[in-house]
Amino acid sequence: MADILQTLSAGCKPPTRVATEANLAYDRMAKIVETLMERGVVKEDGGLLCITPEGLKILNAYRQWRGFLDALGL
């Protein structure tokens, strides 16, 4: 999930590009994106996938927690 959000934080992209940059098989990425769309974290706009403002909040929170855990060596 974080890899998909990270990929989309650079801008809207076609699904195949998201799968490639997130290093996921297309079918796996599609299932995750479907869940993210249901939760309002990702949206589709003209065939492109885009992160929503809520998605950016979640990604930033993830980065903070990841940094905290890394600082603790966990």
N, C-alpha and C. Protein backbone atom coordinates (compact mmCIF):
# COMPACT_ATOMS: atom_id res chain seq x y z
N MET A 1 0.82 -1.18 0.00
CA MET A 1 0.00 0.00 0.00
C MET A 1 0.86 1.25 0.00
N ALA A 2 1.86 1.29 0.87
CA ALA A 2 2.71 2.48 0.96
C ALA A 2 3.45 2.73 -0.35
N ASP A 3 3.87 1.66 -1.02
CA ASP A 3 4.57 1.83 -2.30
C ASP A 3 3.66 2.46 -3.35
N ILE A 4 2.41 2.08 -3.35
CA ILE A 4 1.46 2.65 -4.31
C ILE A 4 1.24 4.13 -4.00
N LEU A 5 1.02 4.45 -2.74
CA LEU A 5 0.81 5.85 -2.36
C LEU A 5 2.05 6.68 -2.64
N GLN A 6 3.22 6.12 -2.37
CA GLN A 6 4.48 6.83 -2.65
C GLN A 6 4.60 7.11 -4.15
N THR A 7 4.29 6.14 -4.96
CA THR A 7 4.34 6.31 -6.41
C THR A 7 3.39 7.41 -6.87
N LEU A 8 2.19 7.42 -6.32
CA LEU A 8 1.19 8.41 -6.73
C LEU A 8 1.44 9.79 -6.14
N SER A 9 2.26 9.88 -5.10
CA SER A 9 2.53 11.19 -4.50
C SER A 9 3.30 12.09 -5.46
N ALA A 10 3.94 11.50 -6.46
CA ALA A 10 4.68 12.28 -7.47
C ALA A 10 3.76 12.77 -8.59
N GLY A 11 2.50 12.33 -8.58
CA GLY A 11 1.54 12.76 -9.59
C GLY A 11 0.70 11.60 -10.09
N CYS A 12 -0.35 11.92 -10.79
CA CYS A 12 -1.26 10.91 -11.34
C CYS A 12 -0.53 10.10 -12.41
N LYS A 13 -0.82 8.79 -12.42
CA LYS A 13 -0.14 7.89 -13.36
C LYS A 13 -1.10 6.82 -13.84
N PRO A 14 -0.83 6.25 -15.02
CA PRO A 14 -1.65 5.13 -15.48
C PRO A 14 -1.39 3.89 -14.60
N PRO A 15 -2.38 3.02 -14.49
CA PRO A 15 -2.25 1.85 -13.63
C PRO A 15 -1.01 0.99 -13.92
N THR A 16 -0.66 0.82 -15.19
CA THR A 16 0.51 -0.01 -15.49
C THR A 16 1.79 0.61 -14.95
N ARG A 17 1.89 1.93 -14.99
CA ARG A 17 3.06 2.63 -14.45
C ARG A 17 3.12 2.48 -12.93
N VAL A 18 1.96 2.56 -12.29
CA VAL A 18 1.90 2.39 -10.83
C VAL A 18 2.38 1.00 -10.45
N ALA A 19 1.89 -0.02 -11.15
CA ALA A 19 2.30 -1.39 -10.86
C ALA A 19 3.81 -1.55 -11.02
N THR A 20 4.35 -1.00 -12.09
CA THR A 20 5.79 -1.11 -12.35
C THR A 20 6.60 -0.40 -11.28
N GLU A 21 6.25 0.85 -10.98
CA GLU A 21 7.02 1.63 -10.01
C GLU A 21 6.88 1.09 -8.58
N ALA A 22 5.73 0.50 -8.27
CA ALA A 22 5.52 -0.07 -6.94
C ALA A 22 6.04 -1.51 -6.87
N ASN A 23 6.56 -2.01 -7.98
CA ASN A 23 7.12 -3.36 -8.05
C ASN A 23 6.08 -4.42 -7.65
N LEU A 24 4.89 -4.29 -8.21
CA LEU A 24 3.81 -5.23 -7.93
C LEU A 24 3.26 -5.80 -9.23
N ALA A 25 2.81 -7.04 -9.16
CA ALA A 25 2.10 -7.61 -10.31
C ALA A 25 0.83 -6.79 -10.52
N TYR A 26 0.43 -6.63 -11.77
CA TYR A 26 -0.71 -5.77 -12.09
C TYR A 26 -1.97 -6.20 -11.35
N ASP A 27 -2.27 -7.50 -11.31
CA ASP A 27 -3.50 -7.95 -10.65
C ASP A 27 -3.47 -7.68 -9.16
N ARG A 28 -2.30 -7.82 -8.54
CA ARG A 28 -2.16 -7.53 -7.11
C ARG A 28 -2.36 -6.03 -6.86
N MET A 29 -1.72 -5.20 -7.69
CA MET A 29 -1.86 -3.75 -7.57
C MET A 29 -3.31 -3.34 -7.74
N ALA A 30 -4.01 -3.94 -8.71
CA ALA A 30 -5.41 -3.58 -8.98
C ALA A 30 -6.30 -3.86 -7.77
N LYS A 31 -6.07 -4.96 -7.08
CA LYS A 31 -6.87 -5.28 -5.89
C LYS A 31 -6.61 -4.28 -4.77
N ILE A 32 -5.35 -3.92 -4.58
CA ILE A 32 -5.01 -2.95 -3.54
C ILE A 32 -5.61 -1.59 -3.87
N VAL A 33 -5.48 -1.18 -5.14
CA VAL A 33 -6.03 0.12 -5.56
C VAL A 33 -7.54 0.14 -5.39
N GLU A 34 -8.21 -0.95 -5.69
CA GLU A 34 -9.66 -1.02 -5.51
C GLU A 34 -10.03 -0.74 -4.05
N THR A 35 -9.29 -1.34 -3.13
CA THR A 35 -9.53 -1.10 -1.70
C THR A 35 -9.24 0.35 -1.34
N LEU A 36 -8.14 0.89 -1.86
CA LEU A 36 -7.79 2.28 -1.57
C LEU A 36 -8.84 3.24 -2.13
N MET A 37 -9.40 2.92 -3.27
CA MET A 37 -10.44 3.76 -3.87
C MET A 37 -11.72 3.71 -3.03
N GLU A 38 -12.07 2.53 -2.53
CA GLU A 38 -13.26 2.39 -1.68
C GLU A 38 -13.14 3.24 -0.42
N ARG A 39 -11.91 3.43 0.04
CA ARG A 39 -11.66 4.19 1.27
C ARG A 39 -11.35 5.67 1.00
N GLY A 40 -11.40 6.07 -0.25
CA GLY A 40 -11.19 7.48 -0.59
C GLY A 40 -9.76 7.94 -0.54
N VAL A 41 -8.83 7.01 -0.64
CA VAL A 41 -7.40 7.34 -0.55
C VAL A 41 -6.81 7.56 -1.94
N VAL A 42 -7.37 6.88 -2.92
CA VAL A 42 -6.95 6.99 -4.32
C VAL A 42 -8.21 7.20 -5.16
N LYS A 43 -8.08 7.96 -6.24
CA LYS A 43 -9.20 8.15 -7.16
C LYS A 43 -8.72 7.94 -8.59
N GLU A 44 -9.67 7.68 -9.47
CA GLU A 44 -9.36 7.54 -10.90
C GLU A 44 -9.83 8.81 -11.59
N ASP A 45 -8.99 9.34 -12.45
CA ASP A 45 -9.32 10.58 -13.16
C ASP A 45 -8.83 10.44 -14.60
N GLY A 46 -9.76 10.22 -15.52
CA GLY A 46 -9.41 10.11 -16.93
C GLY A 46 -8.47 8.95 -17.24
N GLY A 47 -8.65 7.84 -16.55
CA GLY A 47 -7.81 6.67 -16.79
C GLY A 47 -6.52 6.67 -15.99
N LEU A 48 -6.28 7.73 -15.23
CA LEU A 48 -5.09 7.82 -14.39
C LEU A 48 -5.47 7.62 -12.94
N LEU A 49 -4.55 7.07 -12.16
CA LEU A 49 -4.76 6.94 -10.73
C LEU A 49 -4.10 8.12 -10.04
N CYS A 50 -4.80 8.68 -9.06
CA CYS A 50 -4.31 9.86 -8.34
C CYS A 50 -4.50 9.65 -6.84
N ILE A 51 -3.56 10.16 -6.07
CA ILE A 51 -3.71 10.14 -4.62
C ILE A 51 -4.61 11.31 -4.22
N THR A 52 -5.46 11.11 -3.23
CA THR A 52 -6.35 12.16 -2.74
C THR A 52 -5.67 12.89 -1.58
N PRO A 53 -6.22 14.03 -1.16
CA PRO A 53 -5.66 14.70 0.03
C PRO A 53 -5.64 13.77 1.25
N GLU A 54 -6.67 12.95 1.40
CA GLU A 54 -6.69 11.98 2.51
C GLU A 54 -5.56 10.97 2.36
N GLY A 55 -5.30 10.55 1.14
CA GLY A 55 -4.20 9.63 0.88
C GLY A 55 -2.86 10.24 1.23
N LEU A 56 -2.68 11.52 0.95
CA LEU A 56 -1.44 12.21 1.31
C LEU A 56 -1.26 12.27 2.82
N LYS A 57 -2.36 12.49 3.55
CA LYS A 57 -2.30 12.50 5.01
C LYS A 57 -1.85 11.14 5.53
N ILE A 58 -2.42 10.09 4.97
CA ILE A 58 -2.08 8.74 5.40
C ILE A 58 -0.62 8.44 5.07
N LEU A 59 -0.17 8.82 3.88
CA LEU A 59 1.22 8.58 3.50
C LEU A 59 2.17 9.34 4.42
N ASN A 60 1.86 10.58 4.75
CA ASN A 60 2.72 11.35 5.65
C ASN A 60 2.76 10.74 7.05
N ALA A 61 1.62 10.26 7.53
CA ALA A 61 1.58 9.60 8.84
C ALA A 61 2.42 8.32 8.80
N TYR A 62 2.32 7.57 7.72
CA TYR A 62 3.12 6.35 7.57
C TYR A 62 4.62 6.68 7.60
N ARG A 63 5.01 7.73 6.88
CA ARG A 63 6.42 8.12 6.85
C ARG A 63 6.91 8.50 8.25
N GLN A 64 6.07 9.21 9.00
CA GLN A 64 6.46 9.59 10.37
C GLN A 64 6.66 8.36 11.24
N TRP A 65 5.72 7.44 11.18
CA TRP A 65 5.83 6.21 11.97
C TRP A 65 7.03 5.38 11.53
N ARG A 66 7.24 5.29 10.22
CA ARG A 66 8.37 4.53 9.70
C ARG A 66 9.69 5.13 10.20
N GLY A 67 9.78 6.46 10.18
CA GLY A 67 10.97 7.14 10.67
C GLY A 67 11.17 6.91 12.16
N PHE A 68 10.09 6.95 12.92
CA PHE A 68 10.15 6.70 14.35
C PHE A 68 10.64 5.29 14.64
N LEU A 69 10.07 4.31 13.95
CA LEU A 69 10.48 2.92 14.16
C LEU A 69 11.93 2.69 13.72
N ASP A 70 12.33 3.31 12.63
CA ASP A 70 13.72 3.19 12.17
C ASP A 70 14.68 3.79 13.20
N ALA A 71 14.30 4.92 13.78
CA ALA A 71 15.15 5.56 14.79
C ALA A 71 15.31 4.68 16.02
N LEU A 72 14.30 3.87 16.31
CA LEU A 72 14.37 2.94 17.43
C LEU A 72 15.04 1.63 17.06
N GLY A 73 15.35 1.48 15.80
CA GLY A 73 15.99 0.24 15.35
C GLY A 73 15.02 -0.92 15.23
N LEU A 74 13.76 -0.62 15.04
CA LEU A 74 12.75 -1.69 14.93
C LEU A 74 12.38 -1.95 13.50
